[in-house]
Amino acid sequence: MIRDENGMLSSYVYVDIAGRDIGGYVDDAKKLVAERVQLPTGYSLAWSGQYENMLRVRQRLKLVIPVTLLLIFLLLYANTRSAFKATIVMLAVPFSLVGAVWFLYLLHYNVSIAVWVGMIALAGLDAETGVFMLLFLDLSHDEYQRSGRLNSIEDLHEAIVHGAVKRIRPKMMTVMAAAMGLMPIMWSMGTGADMMKRVAAPMVGGLFTSFLMELMVYPAIYLIWRRRELFNPRRVTA
C-alpha cells in the first residue's frame, strides 16, 4: 500500500505495548533508535498514535490541574469564610495521593490519562470529606463555647476529641459510601472497564489515606489554631 502524509511517502511500524506505560517505552525506544539507526538524507521519524495523544492531553492537564485546585480552594473559602480552614482541607490532597499511588501499585496499573482524571476527581472527594470533618470540629468547639466550658487548654482538647473521635461513625459512613459506590466499577468486566477502573482506582485508594489523615492530623492542626485564639481573644482569625 502506498501511503503519504504531508505530501511525503510514509511507512508505519505498529508496536503493541504490554506491561509498561507508553511514555516510558517511547522514551527508551527513542534512545535506542538514536543510537542504532542512521536515517538517510530526506527521511524523518515521528512517534504517533496513543503517544501523540498522550502528549496533547498532558499539555492540557498542566492547565487543568492547577485550575481545578484553585477552584476547589475558592469554593472551600466561599463555604467556610476562612482561608485557614480552606488550607487545612486542601492538605488532604497530598495525603490522599499516597493511598492512590499505593493502590495503583498493588493493581499493577501504569500512570495514564485515565489515572490523572481519577486523581482530579479524588481532589473533589477530599474536599467533601475534609469539610465534613471540620464541620464536626466547629460544632463541638461552638457547643463548648456557648455552654461556658471552654476556659482552658484542657477544655479545648476535650472539645476537639469530642468532635473528632466520638463522632467517627458518620465520618466513616461518608467515606465508605463513596468507596462502595466505586466498587462496581472496580469489579466490572465489560466494554470500557479497563479505562474506568483506572479512573476509579486512585479515588478508592486515596479515600482511605485521606480519611486517616483527617482523623489524626486535622484535630492537631485545629487544636493549634484554636489554642492561639483562646490565649489571644482579640486576635482576628483567618
Protein backbone atom coordinates (compact mmCIF):
# COMPACT_ATOMS: atom_id res chain seq x y z
CA MET A 1 0.00 0.00 0.00
CA ILE A 2 1.33 3.43 -0.91
CA ARG A 3 0.69 5.98 1.82
CA ASP A 4 1.56 9.63 2.16
CA GLU A 5 1.47 12.20 4.91
CA ASN A 6 2.06 15.94 4.46
CA GLY A 7 2.85 15.28 0.80
CA MET A 8 5.61 12.76 1.59
CA LEU A 9 5.67 8.98 1.25
CA SER A 10 5.27 7.33 4.63
CA SER A 11 5.57 3.92 6.22
CA TYR A 12 4.17 2.80 9.57
CA VAL A 13 5.63 0.50 12.22
CA TYR A 14 2.97 -0.68 14.68
CA VAL A 15 4.00 -1.63 18.21
CA ASP A 16 1.82 -3.34 20.83
CA ILE A 17 2.88 -2.45 24.38
CA ALA A 18 2.10 -4.61 27.41
CA GLY A 19 3.29 -4.40 30.99
CA ARG A 20 4.53 -0.80 30.97
CA ASP A 21 3.43 2.75 30.25
CA ILE A 22 3.56 4.22 26.75
CA GLY A 23 5.59 7.27 27.72
CA GLY A 24 8.39 5.25 29.32
CA TYR A 25 8.51 2.81 26.41
CA VAL A 26 8.77 5.58 23.81
CA ASP A 27 11.50 7.38 25.78
CA ASP A 28 13.58 4.20 25.88
CA ALA A 29 12.83 3.43 22.24
CA LYS A 30 13.91 6.92 21.18
CA LYS A 31 17.29 6.42 22.82
CA LEU A 32 17.85 3.05 21.13
CA VAL A 33 16.76 4.35 17.73
CA ALA A 34 19.03 7.37 18.04
CA GLU A 35 21.97 5.10 18.89
CA ARG A 36 21.44 2.35 16.30
CA VAL A 37 19.51 3.85 13.38
CA GLN A 38 21.02 6.29 10.91
CA LEU A 39 18.32 7.91 8.79
CA PRO A 40 19.28 8.72 5.19
CA THR A 41 19.03 12.26 3.95
CA GLY A 42 15.42 13.31 3.39
CA TYR A 43 13.98 10.79 5.83
CA SER A 44 12.28 11.68 9.12
CA LEU A 45 10.92 9.71 12.06
CA ALA A 46 7.82 10.57 14.13
CA TRP A 47 6.19 8.84 17.11
CA SER A 48 2.42 8.96 16.77
CA GLY A 49 -0.67 7.07 17.87
CA GLN A 50 -1.54 6.93 21.57
CA TYR A 51 1.80 8.50 22.44
CA GLU A 52 0.98 11.62 20.43
CA ASN A 53 -2.46 11.80 22.04
CA MET A 54 -0.87 11.44 25.46
CA LEU A 55 1.44 14.40 24.85
CA ARG A 56 -1.50 16.51 23.73
CA VAL A 57 -3.56 15.66 26.82
CA ARG A 58 -0.53 16.17 29.09
CA GLN A 59 -0.27 19.76 27.92
CA ARG A 60 -3.94 20.29 28.75
CA LEU A 61 -3.54 18.72 32.19
CA LYS A 62 -0.79 21.23 33.03
CA LEU A 63 -3.52 23.85 32.86
CA VAL A 64 -6.49 21.82 34.07
CA ILE A 65 -4.95 20.53 37.33
CA PRO A 66 -3.88 23.95 38.75
CA VAL A 67 -7.20 25.49 37.72
CA THR A 68 -9.10 22.63 39.39
CA LEU A 69 -7.18 23.00 42.66
CA LEU A 70 -7.71 26.77 42.59
CA LEU A 71 -11.45 26.38 42.03
CA ILE A 72 -11.68 23.87 44.89
CA PHE A 73 -9.87 26.30 47.19
CA LEU A 74 -12.16 29.17 46.19
CA LEU A 75 -15.27 27.04 46.78
CA LEU A 76 -13.93 25.98 50.17
CA TYR A 77 -13.23 29.59 51.08
CA ALA A 78 -16.73 30.60 50.00
CA ASN A 79 -18.16 27.83 52.19
CA THR A 80 -16.01 28.32 55.31
CA ARG A 81 -15.20 32.05 55.03
CA SER A 82 -11.76 31.15 56.33
CA ALA A 83 -8.55 30.88 54.33
CA PHE A 84 -7.04 28.80 57.13
CA LYS A 85 -9.84 26.22 57.09
CA ALA A 86 -9.71 26.02 53.30
CA THR A 87 -5.95 25.41 53.51
CA ILE A 88 -6.47 22.64 56.09
CA VAL A 89 -8.91 20.88 53.77
CA MET A 90 -6.51 21.19 50.85
CA LEU A 91 -3.82 19.43 52.93
CA ALA A 92 -5.74 16.20 52.37
CA VAL A 93 -4.81 16.20 48.68
CA PRO A 94 -1.13 15.15 49.05
CA PHE A 95 -2.03 12.59 51.72
CA SER A 96 -4.71 11.08 49.53
CA LEU A 97 -2.22 10.80 46.66
CA VAL A 98 -0.17 8.44 48.86
CA GLY A 99 -3.04 5.97 49.01
CA ALA A 100 -3.81 6.45 45.33
CA VAL A 101 -0.23 5.63 44.30
CA TRP A 102 -0.03 2.58 46.57
CA PHE A 103 -3.35 1.22 45.28
CA LEU A 104 -2.24 1.71 41.68
CA TYR A 105 0.98 -0.14 42.53
CA LEU A 106 -0.94 -3.07 44.06
CA LEU A 107 -3.15 -3.30 40.98
CA HIS A 108 -0.13 -3.01 38.64
CA TYR A 109 -1.65 -0.01 36.87
CA ASN A 110 0.64 2.35 35.00
CA VAL A 111 0.16 6.11 35.05
CA SER A 112 -2.15 7.15 32.24
CA ILE A 113 -4.58 9.89 31.30
CA ALA A 114 -7.40 7.95 32.94
CA VAL A 115 -5.40 7.78 36.18
CA TRP A 116 -4.85 11.54 36.13
CA VAL A 117 -8.58 12.07 35.63
CA GLY A 118 -9.21 9.89 38.67
CA MET A 119 -6.76 11.92 40.75
CA ILE A 120 -8.51 15.15 39.76
CA ALA A 121 -11.82 13.64 40.88
CA LEU A 122 -10.11 12.50 44.08
CA ALA A 123 -9.32 16.12 44.95
CA GLY A 124 -13.04 16.86 44.93
CA LEU A 125 -13.78 13.89 47.21
CA ASP A 126 -11.06 15.04 49.60
CA ALA A 127 -12.70 18.45 49.83
CA GLU A 128 -16.04 16.82 50.66
CA THR A 129 -14.71 14.64 53.49
CA GLY A 130 -12.45 17.42 54.78
CA VAL A 131 -15.33 19.88 55.07
CA PHE A 132 -17.34 17.20 56.87
CA MET A 133 -14.55 16.75 59.42
CA LEU A 134 -14.14 20.48 60.04
CA LEU A 135 -17.89 20.82 60.45
CA PHE A 136 -17.92 18.44 63.41
CA LEU A 137 -14.88 20.13 64.96
CA ASP A 138 -16.54 23.54 64.66
CA LEU A 139 -19.83 22.26 66.07
CA SER A 140 -18.11 20.72 69.08
CA HIS A 141 -15.99 23.85 69.65
CA ASP A 142 -19.01 26.17 69.44
CA GLU A 143 -21.06 23.94 71.74
CA TYR A 144 -18.39 24.05 74.45
CA GLN A 145 -18.00 27.79 73.98
CA ARG A 146 -21.75 28.52 74.31
CA SER A 147 -22.03 26.39 77.43
CA GLY A 148 -19.09 28.17 79.08
CA ARG A 149 -16.94 25.05 79.25
CA LEU A 150 -14.09 26.44 77.12
CA ASN A 151 -11.88 28.04 79.75
CA SER A 152 -8.56 26.21 79.45
CA ILE A 153 -6.40 24.25 77.05
CA GLU A 154 -7.73 21.05 78.65
CA ASP A 155 -11.29 22.07 77.83
CA LEU A 156 -10.28 22.86 74.26
CA HIS A 157 -8.58 19.48 73.95
CA GLU A 158 -11.71 17.75 75.27
CA ALA A 159 -13.93 19.63 72.81
CA ILE A 160 -11.74 18.63 69.85
CA VAL A 161 -11.59 14.99 70.97
CA HIS A 162 -15.38 15.04 71.25
CA GLY A 163 -15.71 16.38 67.70
CA ALA A 164 -13.06 14.12 66.17
CA VAL A 165 -13.40 10.77 67.95
CA LYS A 166 -16.88 10.46 69.38
CA ARG A 167 -18.45 11.24 66.02
CA ILE A 168 -16.27 8.95 63.96
CA ARG A 169 -19.22 6.84 62.78
CA PRO A 170 -20.84 9.43 60.47
CA LYS A 171 -17.41 10.33 59.07
CA MET A 172 -16.68 6.68 58.31
CA MET A 173 -20.11 6.23 56.76
CA THR A 174 -19.43 9.13 54.40
CA VAL A 175 -16.11 7.68 53.24
CA MET A 176 -17.42 4.13 52.96
CA ALA A 177 -20.46 5.26 50.96
CA ALA A 178 -18.18 6.96 48.42
CA ALA A 179 -15.81 3.97 48.31
CA MET A 180 -18.57 1.35 47.96
CA GLY A 181 -20.12 3.39 45.18
CA LEU A 182 -16.91 2.88 43.21
CA MET A 183 -16.68 -0.87 43.82
CA PRO A 184 -18.96 -1.88 40.91
CA ILE A 185 -16.58 -0.06 38.58
CA MET A 186 -13.58 -1.93 40.01
CA TRP A 187 -15.39 -5.27 39.51
CA SER A 188 -16.74 -4.53 36.04
CA MET A 189 -15.58 -6.60 33.06
CA GLY A 190 -17.49 -5.05 30.14
CA THR A 191 -16.54 -2.69 27.35
CA GLY A 192 -14.55 0.27 28.62
CA ALA A 193 -13.93 -1.37 32.01
CA ASP A 194 -10.14 -1.09 31.74
CA MET A 195 -10.33 2.67 31.37
CA MET A 196 -12.98 3.16 34.07
CA LYS A 197 -11.02 1.04 36.54
CA ARG A 198 -8.04 3.36 36.14
CA VAL A 199 -10.29 6.33 36.81
CA ALA A 200 -11.81 4.78 39.94
CA ALA A 201 -8.65 3.20 41.41
CA PRO A 202 -7.00 6.47 42.58
CA MET A 203 -10.25 7.54 44.24
CA VAL A 204 -10.64 4.23 46.10
CA GLY A 205 -7.06 4.19 47.40
CA GLY A 206 -6.92 7.91 48.15
CA LEU A 207 -10.15 7.99 50.15
CA PHE A 208 -8.79 5.76 52.90
CA THR A 209 -5.45 7.54 53.41
CA SER A 210 -7.13 10.95 53.36
CA PHE A 211 -9.66 9.66 55.91
CA LEU A 212 -6.86 8.54 58.25
CA MET A 213 -5.09 11.85 57.76
CA GLU A 214 -8.25 13.77 58.64
CA LEU A 215 -8.67 11.76 61.85
CA MET A 216 -5.06 12.14 63.01
CA VAL A 217 -3.75 15.40 61.54
CA TYR A 218 -6.80 17.67 61.25
CA PRO A 219 -7.56 17.69 65.01
CA ALA A 220 -3.93 18.51 65.85
CA ILE A 221 -3.83 21.44 63.41
CA TYR A 222 -7.25 22.59 64.62
CA LEU A 223 -6.02 22.45 68.23
CA ILE A 224 -3.00 24.64 67.45
CA TRP A 225 -5.19 27.18 65.66
CA ARG A 226 -7.89 27.37 68.35
CA ARG A 227 -5.30 27.41 71.14
CA ARG A 228 -3.76 30.59 69.75
CA GLU A 229 -7.25 32.06 69.53
CA LEU A 230 -8.03 31.01 73.12
CA PHE A 231 -4.96 32.70 74.55
CA ASN A 232 -5.28 35.71 72.20
CA PRO A 233 -9.01 36.52 72.21
CA ARG A 234 -8.51 39.83 70.43
CA ARG A 235 -6.63 38.21 67.62
CA VAL A 236 -8.56 38.23 64.34
CA THR A 237 -8.77 34.73 62.92
CA ALA A 238 -8.13 33.91 59.27
